[in-house]
All heavy atoms as atom14 arrays in JSON, in Angstrom:
{
  "sequence": "LHERFGTLSLERLFRDAIAYARDGFAVHHRVALDWSR",
  "atom14_mask": [
    [1, 1, 1, 1, 1, 1, 1, 1, 0, 0, 0, 0, 0, 0],
    [1, 1, 1, 1, 1, 1, 1, 1, 1, 1, 0, 0, 0, 0],
    [1, 1, 1, 1, 1, 1, 1, 1, 1, 0, 0, 0, 0, 0],
    [1, 1, 1, 1, 1, 1, 1, 1, 1, 1, 1, 0, 0, 0],
    [1, 1, 1, 1, 1, 1, 1, 1, 1, 1, 1, 0, 0, 0],
    [1, 1, 1, 1, 0, 0, 0, 0, 0, 0, 0, 0, 0, 0],
    [1, 1, 1, 1, 1, 1, 1, 0, 0, 0, 0, 0, 0, 0],
    [1, 1, 1, 1, 1, 1, 1, 1, 0, 0, 0, 0, 0, 0],
    [1, 1, 1, 1, 1, 1, 0, 0, 0, 0, 0, 0, 0, 0],
    [1, 1, 1, 1, 1, 1, 1, 1, 0, 0, 0, 0, 0, 0],
    [1, 1, 1, 1, 1, 1, 1, 1, 1, 0, 0, 0, 0, 0],
    [1, 1, 1, 1, 1, 1, 1, 1, 1, 1, 1, 0, 0, 0],
    [1, 1, 1, 1, 1, 1, 1, 1, 0, 0, 0, 0, 0, 0],
    [1, 1, 1, 1, 1, 1, 1, 1, 1, 1, 1, 0, 0, 0],
    [1, 1, 1, 1, 1, 1, 1, 1, 1, 1, 1, 0, 0, 0],
    [1, 1, 1, 1, 1, 1, 1, 1, 0, 0, 0, 0, 0, 0],
    [1, 1, 1, 1, 1, 0, 0, 0, 0, 0, 0, 0, 0, 0],
    [1, 1, 1, 1, 1, 1, 1, 1, 0, 0, 0, 0, 0, 0],
    [1, 1, 1, 1, 1, 0, 0, 0, 0, 0, 0, 0, 0, 0],
    [1, 1, 1, 1, 1, 1, 1, 1, 1, 1, 1, 1, 0, 0],
    [1, 1, 1, 1, 1, 0, 0, 0, 0, 0, 0, 0, 0, 0],
    [1, 1, 1, 1, 1, 1, 1, 1, 1, 1, 1, 0, 0, 0],
    [1, 1, 1, 1, 1, 1, 1, 1, 0, 0, 0, 0, 0, 0],
    [1, 1, 1, 1, 0, 0, 0, 0, 0, 0, 0, 0, 0, 0],
    [1, 1, 1, 1, 1, 1, 1, 1, 1, 1, 1, 0, 0, 0],
    [1, 1, 1, 1, 1, 0, 0, 0, 0, 0, 0, 0, 0, 0],
    [1, 1, 1, 1, 1, 1, 1, 0, 0, 0, 0, 0, 0, 0],
    [1, 1, 1, 1, 1, 1, 1, 1, 1, 1, 0, 0, 0, 0],
    [1, 1, 1, 1, 1, 1, 1, 1, 1, 1, 0, 0, 0, 0],
    [1, 1, 1, 1, 1, 1, 1, 1, 1, 1, 1, 0, 0, 0],
    [1, 1, 1, 1, 1, 1, 1, 0, 0, 0, 0, 0, 0, 0],
    [1, 1, 1, 1, 1, 0, 0, 0, 0, 0, 0, 0, 0, 0],
    [1, 1, 1, 1, 1, 1, 1, 1, 0, 0, 0, 0, 0, 0],
    [1, 1, 1, 1, 1, 1, 1, 1, 0, 0, 0, 0, 0, 0],
    [1, 1, 1, 1, 1, 1, 1, 1, 1, 1, 1, 1, 1, 1],
    [1, 1, 1, 1, 1, 1, 0, 0, 0, 0, 0, 0, 0, 0],
    [1, 1, 1, 1, 1, 1, 1, 1, 1, 1, 1, 0, 0, 0]
  ],
  "atom14_positions": [
    [[6.86, -34.79, -17.46], [5.6, -34.31, -16.9], [4.86, -33.43, -17.91], [3.65, -33.56, -18.11], [5.89, -33.54, -15.62], [4.73, -33.18, -14.7], [4.05, -34.43, -14.17], [5.23, -32.31, -13.55], [0.0, 0.0, 0.0], [0.0, 0.0, 0.0], [0.0, 0.0, 0.0], [0.0, 0.0, 0.0], [0.0, 0.0, 0.0], [0.0, 0.0, 0.0]],
    [[5.61, -32.56, -18.57], [5.01, -31.64, -19.53], [4.48, -32.39, -20.75], [3.37, -32.1, -21.24], [6.04, -30.59, -19.96], [5.5, -29.57, -20.91], [5.75, -29.62, -22.27], [4.72, -28.47, -20.7], [5.16, -28.61, -22.85], [4.52, -27.89, -21.94], [0.0, 0.0, 0.0], [0.0, 0.0, 0.0], [0.0, 0.0, 0.0], [0.0, 0.0, 0.0]],
    [[5.23, -33.35, -21.25], [4.81, -34.08, -22.45], [3.53, -34.87, -22.2], [2.68, -35.0, -23.08], [5.93, -35.03, -22.91], [7.1, -34.3, -23.54], [8.2, -35.25, -23.98], [8.18, -36.42, -23.53], [9.09, -34.82, -24.73], [0.0, 0.0, 0.0], [0.0, 0.0, 0.0], [0.0, 0.0, 0.0], [0.0, 0.0, 0.0], [0.0, 0.0, 0.0]],
    [[3.36, -35.37, -20.99], [2.2, -36.21, -20.7], [0.97, -35.4, -20.27], [-0.15, -35.76, -20.64], [2.55, -37.23, -19.61], [1.46, -38.25, -19.36], [1.98, -39.41, -18.53], [0.94, -40.4, -18.31], [1.11, -41.54, -17.63], [2.31, -41.84, -17.14], [0.11, -42.38, -17.46], [0.0, 0.0, 0.0], [0.0, 0.0, 0.0], [0.0, 0.0, 0.0]],
    [[1.19, -34.32, -19.53], [0.05, -33.62, -18.93], [-0.01, -32.12, -19.22], [-1.03, -31.48, -18.95], [0.03, -33.82, -17.41], [-0.22, -35.23, -16.99], [0.82, -36.02, -16.51], [-1.49, -35.78, -17.07], [0.59, -37.33, -16.11], [-1.73, -37.09, -16.68], [-0.69, -37.87, -16.2], [0.0, 0.0, 0.0], [0.0, 0.0, 0.0], [0.0, 0.0, 0.0]],
    [[1.06, -31.52, -19.71], [1.07, -30.08, -19.92], [0.18, -29.65, -21.08], [-0.05, -30.41, -22.02], [0.0, 0.0, 0.0], [0.0, 0.0, 0.0], [0.0, 0.0, 0.0], [0.0, 0.0, 0.0], [0.0, 0.0, 0.0], [0.0, 0.0, 0.0], [0.0, 0.0, 0.0], [0.0, 0.0, 0.0], [0.0, 0.0, 0.0], [0.0, 0.0, 0.0]],
    [[-0.3, -28.4, -21.0], [-1.15, -27.87, -22.07], [-0.59, -26.58, -22.68], [-0.93, -26.24, -23.81], [-2.57, -27.58, -21.55], [-2.53, -26.56, -20.55], [-3.19, -28.84, -20.96], [0.0, 0.0, 0.0], [0.0, 0.0, 0.0], [0.0, 0.0, 0.0], [0.0, 0.0, 0.0], [0.0, 0.0, 0.0], [0.0, 0.0, 0.0], [0.0, 0.0, 0.0]],
    [[0.25, -25.86, -21.96], [0.87, -24.65, -22.47], [2.33, -24.92, -22.82], [2.94, -25.85, -22.3], [0.79, -23.53, -21.42], [-0.61, -23.14, -20.94], [-0.52, -22.0, -19.93], [-1.51, -22.75, -22.1], [0.0, 0.0, 0.0], [0.0, 0.0, 0.0], [0.0, 0.0, 0.0], [0.0, 0.0, 0.0], [0.0, 0.0, 0.0], [0.0, 0.0, 0.0]],
    [[2.91, -24.11, -23.68], [4.28, -24.33, -24.14], [5.28, -24.05, -23.02], [5.01, -23.27, -22.1], [4.6, -23.42, -25.32], [4.66, -22.06, -24.9], [0.0, 0.0, 0.0], [0.0, 0.0, 0.0], [0.0, 0.0, 0.0], [0.0, 0.0, 0.0], [0.0, 0.0, 0.0], [0.0, 0.0, 0.0], [0.0, 0.0, 0.0], [0.0, 0.0, 0.0]],
    [[6.43, -24.69, -23.11], [7.5, -24.4, -22.15], [7.95, -22.96, -22.25], [8.34, -22.36, -21.24], [8.68, -25.35, -22.37], [8.49, -26.8, -21.93], [9.74, -27.61, -22.25], [8.16, -26.9, -20.45], [0.0, 0.0, 0.0], [0.0, 0.0, 0.0], [0.0, 0.0, 0.0], [0.0, 0.0, 0.0], [0.0, 0.0, 0.0], [0.0, 0.0, 0.0]],
    [[7.92, -22.39, -23.46], [8.27, -20.97, -23.59], [7.37, -20.11, -22.71], [7.85, -19.18, -22.05], [8.17, -20.52, -25.05], [9.3, -21.01, -25.93], [9.0, -22.34, -26.58], [8.06, -23.05, -26.13], [9.69, -22.68, -27.55], [0.0, 0.0, 0.0], [0.0, 0.0, 0.0], [0.0, 0.0, 0.0], [0.0, 0.0, 0.0], [0.0, 0.0, 0.0]],
    [[6.08, -20.41, -22.7], [5.17, -19.65, -21.82], [5.44, -19.97, -20.35], [5.49, -19.06, -19.5], [3.71, -19.98, -22.15], [2.7, -19.52, -21.09], [2.74, -18.01, -20.86], [2.0, -17.59, -19.68], [2.52, -17.42, -18.48], [3.83, -17.67, -18.27], [1.79, -17.01, -17.48], [0.0, 0.0, 0.0], [0.0, 0.0, 0.0], [0.0, 0.0, 0.0]],
    [[5.65, -21.23, -20.02], [5.79, -21.62, -18.62], [7.08, -21.11, -18.0], [7.13, -20.83, -16.81], [5.71, -23.15, -18.5], [4.4, -23.78, -18.99], [4.41, -25.28, -18.76], [3.19, -23.14, -18.31], [0.0, 0.0, 0.0], [0.0, 0.0, 0.0], [0.0, 0.0, 0.0], [0.0, 0.0, 0.0], [0.0, 0.0, 0.0], [0.0, 0.0, 0.0]],
    [[8.13, -20.98, -18.8], [9.41, -20.49, -18.28], [9.56, -18.97, -18.39], [10.58, -18.42, -18.02], [10.57, -21.15, -19.04], [10.78, -22.61, -18.72], [9.89, -23.32, -17.92], [11.88, -23.28, -19.23], [10.1, -24.66, -17.64], [12.1, -24.62, -18.95], [11.2, -25.32, -18.16], [0.0, 0.0, 0.0], [0.0, 0.0, 0.0], [0.0, 0.0, 0.0]],
    [[8.56, -18.32, -18.92], [8.69, -16.88, -19.22], [9.06, -16.06, -17.99], [9.99, -15.24, -18.03], [7.38, -16.36, -19.82], [7.45, -14.92, -20.3], [6.14, -14.53, -20.98], [5.03, -14.47, -20.04], [3.75, -14.47, -20.39], [3.41, -14.55, -21.68], [2.8, -14.38, -19.48], [0.0, 0.0, 0.0], [0.0, 0.0, 0.0], [0.0, 0.0, 0.0]],
    [[8.37, -16.25, -16.88], [8.67, -15.47, -15.68], [10.06, -15.79, -15.15], [10.82, -14.9, -14.75], [7.63, -15.74, -14.59], [6.29, -15.11, -14.9], [6.2, -14.31, -15.86], [5.31, -15.42, -14.2], [0.0, 0.0, 0.0], [0.0, 0.0, 0.0], [0.0, 0.0, 0.0], [0.0, 0.0, 0.0], [0.0, 0.0, 0.0], [0.0, 0.0, 0.0]],
    [[10.41, -17.08, -15.12], [11.72, -17.47, -14.6], [12.85, -16.84, -15.42], [13.84, -16.34, -14.86], [11.85, -19.0, -14.61], [0.0, 0.0, 0.0], [0.0, 0.0, 0.0], [0.0, 0.0, 0.0], [0.0, 0.0, 0.0], [0.0, 0.0, 0.0], [0.0, 0.0, 0.0], [0.0, 0.0, 0.0], [0.0, 0.0, 0.0], [0.0, 0.0, 0.0]],
    [[12.7, -16.86, -16.73], [13.73, -16.27, -17.6], [13.82, -14.77, -17.37], [14.92, -14.21, -17.29], [13.42, -16.59, -19.07], [13.55, -18.11, -19.32], [14.33, -15.82, -20.0], [12.97, -18.56, -20.64], [0.0, 0.0, 0.0], [0.0, 0.0, 0.0], [0.0, 0.0, 0.0], [0.0, 0.0, 0.0], [0.0, 0.0, 0.0], [0.0, 0.0, 0.0]],
    [[12.68, -14.12, -17.2], [12.69, -12.67, -16.97], [13.35, -12.33, -15.63], [14.14, -11.38, -15.55], [11.26, -12.13, -17.01], [0.0, 0.0, 0.0], [0.0, 0.0, 0.0], [0.0, 0.0, 0.0], [0.0, 0.0, 0.0], [0.0, 0.0, 0.0], [0.0, 0.0, 0.0], [0.0, 0.0, 0.0], [0.0, 0.0, 0.0], [0.0, 0.0, 0.0]],
    [[13.05, -13.08, -14.59], [13.67, -12.81, -13.29], [15.17, -13.06, -13.34], [15.96, -12.35, -12.72], [13.03, -13.68, -12.2], [11.62, -13.3, -11.86], [10.63, -14.27, -11.76], [11.27, -11.97, -11.64], [9.32, -13.93, -11.45], [9.96, -11.62, -11.34], [8.99, -12.6, -11.24], [7.7, -12.26, -10.93], [0.0, 0.0, 0.0], [0.0, 0.0, 0.0]],
    [[15.58, -14.1, -14.08], [17.01, -14.39, -14.18], [17.74, -13.28, -14.93], [18.84, -12.87, -14.52], [17.22, -15.73, -14.89], [0.0, 0.0, 0.0], [0.0, 0.0, 0.0], [0.0, 0.0, 0.0], [0.0, 0.0, 0.0], [0.0, 0.0, 0.0], [0.0, 0.0, 0.0], [0.0, 0.0, 0.0], [0.0, 0.0, 0.0], [0.0, 0.0, 0.0]],
    [[17.15, -12.77, -15.99], [17.82, -11.76, -16.81], [17.69, -10.35, -16.25], [18.65, -9.56, -16.27], [17.27, -11.81, -18.23], [17.7, -13.07, -18.99], [17.0, -13.18, -20.33], [17.59, -14.25, -21.16], [17.08, -14.69, -22.3], [15.96, -14.14, -22.77], [17.69, -15.64, -22.98], [0.0, 0.0, 0.0], [0.0, 0.0, 0.0], [0.0, 0.0, 0.0]],
    [[16.5, -10.0, -15.75], [16.24, -8.64, -15.3], [16.48, -8.44, -13.81], [16.62, -7.32, -13.34], [14.78, -8.24, -15.61], [14.48, -8.31, -17.1], [15.43, -8.19, -17.9], [13.31, -8.52, -17.46], [0.0, 0.0, 0.0], [0.0, 0.0, 0.0], [0.0, 0.0, 0.0], [0.0, 0.0, 0.0], [0.0, 0.0, 0.0], [0.0, 0.0, 0.0]],
    [[16.48, -9.53, -13.05], [16.74, -9.45, -11.62], [15.49, -9.62, -10.79], [14.36, -9.47, -11.26], [0.0, 0.0, 0.0], [0.0, 0.0, 0.0], [0.0, 0.0, 0.0], [0.0, 0.0, 0.0], [0.0, 0.0, 0.0], [0.0, 0.0, 0.0], [0.0, 0.0, 0.0], [0.0, 0.0, 0.0], [0.0, 0.0, 0.0], [0.0, 0.0, 0.0]],
    [[15.69, -9.96, -9.52], [14.62, -10.19, -8.57], [15.09, -9.72, -7.2], [16.29, -9.61, -6.93], [14.24, -11.67, -8.52], [15.4, -12.58, -8.14], [15.63, -12.94, -6.82], [16.28, -13.04, -9.11], [16.7, -13.76, -6.48], [17.36, -13.85, -8.78], [17.57, -14.21, -7.46], [0.0, 0.0, 0.0], [0.0, 0.0, 0.0], [0.0, 0.0, 0.0]],
    [[14.14, -9.44, -6.34], [14.47, -9.05, -4.97], [14.83, -10.28, -4.16], [14.08, -11.26, -4.12], [13.29, -8.32, -4.33], [0.0, 0.0, 0.0], [0.0, 0.0, 0.0], [0.0, 0.0, 0.0], [0.0, 0.0, 0.0], [0.0, 0.0, 0.0], [0.0, 0.0, 0.0], [0.0, 0.0, 0.0], [0.0, 0.0, 0.0], [0.0, 0.0, 0.0]],
    [[15.97, -10.24, -3.48], [16.39, -11.35, -2.63], [15.61, -11.29, -1.32], [15.69, -10.3, -0.59], [17.91, -11.29, -2.36], [18.33, -12.4, -1.4], [18.69, -11.37, -3.67], [0.0, 0.0, 0.0], [0.0, 0.0, 0.0], [0.0, 0.0, 0.0], [0.0, 0.0, 0.0], [0.0, 0.0, 0.0], [0.0, 0.0, 0.0], [0.0, 0.0, 0.0]],
    [[14.85, -12.33, -1.03], [14.04, -12.35, 0.18], [14.86, -12.79, 1.39], [15.96, -13.32, 1.25], [12.83, -13.27, -0.02], [11.74, -12.65, -0.83], [10.41, -12.77, -0.52], [11.77, -11.88, -1.96], [9.68, -12.11, -1.39], [10.49, -11.57, -2.28], [0.0, 0.0, 0.0], [0.0, 0.0, 0.0], [0.0, 0.0, 0.0], [0.0, 0.0, 0.0]],
    [[14.3, -12.59, 2.58], [15.09, -12.72, 3.8], [15.57, -14.15, 4.04], [16.75, -14.37, 4.34], [14.28, -12.22, 4.99], [14.16, -10.73, 5.03], [15.13, -9.91, 5.56], [13.21, -9.89, 4.55], [14.77, -8.64, 5.43], [13.6, -8.6, 4.82], [0.0, 0.0, 0.0], [0.0, 0.0, 0.0], [0.0, 0.0, 0.0], [0.0, 0.0, 0.0]],
    [[14.68, -15.14, 3.94], [15.12, -16.51, 4.17], [16.08, -16.96, 3.07], [17.06, -17.67, 3.32], [13.92, -17.46, 4.25], [14.28, -18.93, 4.42], [15.14, -19.19, 5.66], [15.74, -20.5, 5.63], [15.21, -21.6, 6.17], [14.03, -21.53, 6.76], [15.84, -22.75, 6.09], [0.0, 0.0, 0.0], [0.0, 0.0, 0.0], [0.0, 0.0, 0.0]],
    [[15.81, -16.53, 1.85], [16.72, -16.84, 0.73], [18.11, -16.27, 1.01], [19.12, -16.94, 0.8], [16.15, -16.28, -0.58], [17.18, -16.39, -1.71], [14.87, -17.03, -0.98], [0.0, 0.0, 0.0], [0.0, 0.0, 0.0], [0.0, 0.0, 0.0], [0.0, 0.0, 0.0], [0.0, 0.0, 0.0], [0.0, 0.0, 0.0], [0.0, 0.0, 0.0]],
    [[18.15, -15.03, 1.5], [19.44, -14.39, 1.8], [20.2, -15.15, 2.87], [21.43, -15.33, 2.8], [19.22, -12.94, 2.23], [0.0, 0.0, 0.0], [0.0, 0.0, 0.0], [0.0, 0.0, 0.0], [0.0, 0.0, 0.0], [0.0, 0.0, 0.0], [0.0, 0.0, 0.0], [0.0, 0.0, 0.0], [0.0, 0.0, 0.0], [0.0, 0.0, 0.0]],
    [[19.49, -15.63, 3.9], [20.13, -16.39, 4.97], [20.72, -17.69, 4.43], [21.89, -18.02, 4.71], [19.1, -16.69, 6.06], [19.58, -17.59, 7.21], [20.74, -16.94, 7.95], [18.43, -17.89, 8.17], [0.0, 0.0, 0.0], [0.0, 0.0, 0.0], [0.0, 0.0, 0.0], [0.0, 0.0, 0.0], [0.0, 0.0, 0.0], [0.0, 0.0, 0.0]],
    [[19.95, -18.43, 3.66], [20.45, -19.69, 3.11], [21.61, -19.46, 2.15], [22.57, -20.24, 2.11], [19.32, -20.42, 2.39], [18.21, -20.85, 3.34], [18.52, -21.18, 4.5], [17.04, -20.86, 2.92], [0.0, 0.0, 0.0], [0.0, 0.0, 0.0], [0.0, 0.0, 0.0], [0.0, 0.0, 0.0], [0.0, 0.0, 0.0], [0.0, 0.0, 0.0]],
    [[21.54, -18.39, 1.38], [22.6, -18.05, 0.42], [23.91, -17.76, 1.17], [24.98, -18.23, 0.78], [22.16, -16.82, -0.36], [22.69, -16.68, -1.75], [23.96, -16.95, -2.2], [21.97, -16.19, -2.9], [24.07, -16.66, -3.54], [22.87, -16.2, -3.99], [20.68, -15.73, -3.09], [22.49, -15.75, -5.26], [20.3, -15.31, -4.35], [21.19, -15.32, -5.42]],
    [[23.79, -17.0, 2.25], [24.99, -16.59, 2.99], [25.73, -17.78, 3.59], [26.95, -17.76, 3.73], [24.62, -15.59, 4.09], [23.85, -16.21, 5.11], [0.0, 0.0, 0.0], [0.0, 0.0, 0.0], [0.0, 0.0, 0.0], [0.0, 0.0, 0.0], [0.0, 0.0, 0.0], [0.0, 0.0, 0.0], [0.0, 0.0, 0.0], [0.0, 0.0, 0.0]],
    [[24.99, -18.82, 3.94], [25.62, -20.0, 4.56], [26.47, -20.79, 3.57], [27.32, -21.58, 3.98], [24.54, -20.9, 5.15], [23.83, -20.27, 6.35], [22.48, -20.91, 6.62], [22.59, -22.28, 7.07], [22.64, -22.66, 8.34], [22.61, -21.76, 9.3], [22.71, -23.94, 8.67], [0.0, 0.0, 0.0], [0.0, 0.0, 0.0], [0.0, 0.0, 0.0]]
  ]
}
């Protein structure tokens, strides 16, 4: 999808995801419920 239609680099597009994975994120309520199961 990125090779055919993307315009920004994957480094830019993954930046937030990488930061949340490394620095942490708040676990939301529905996410917590699904995780617990």
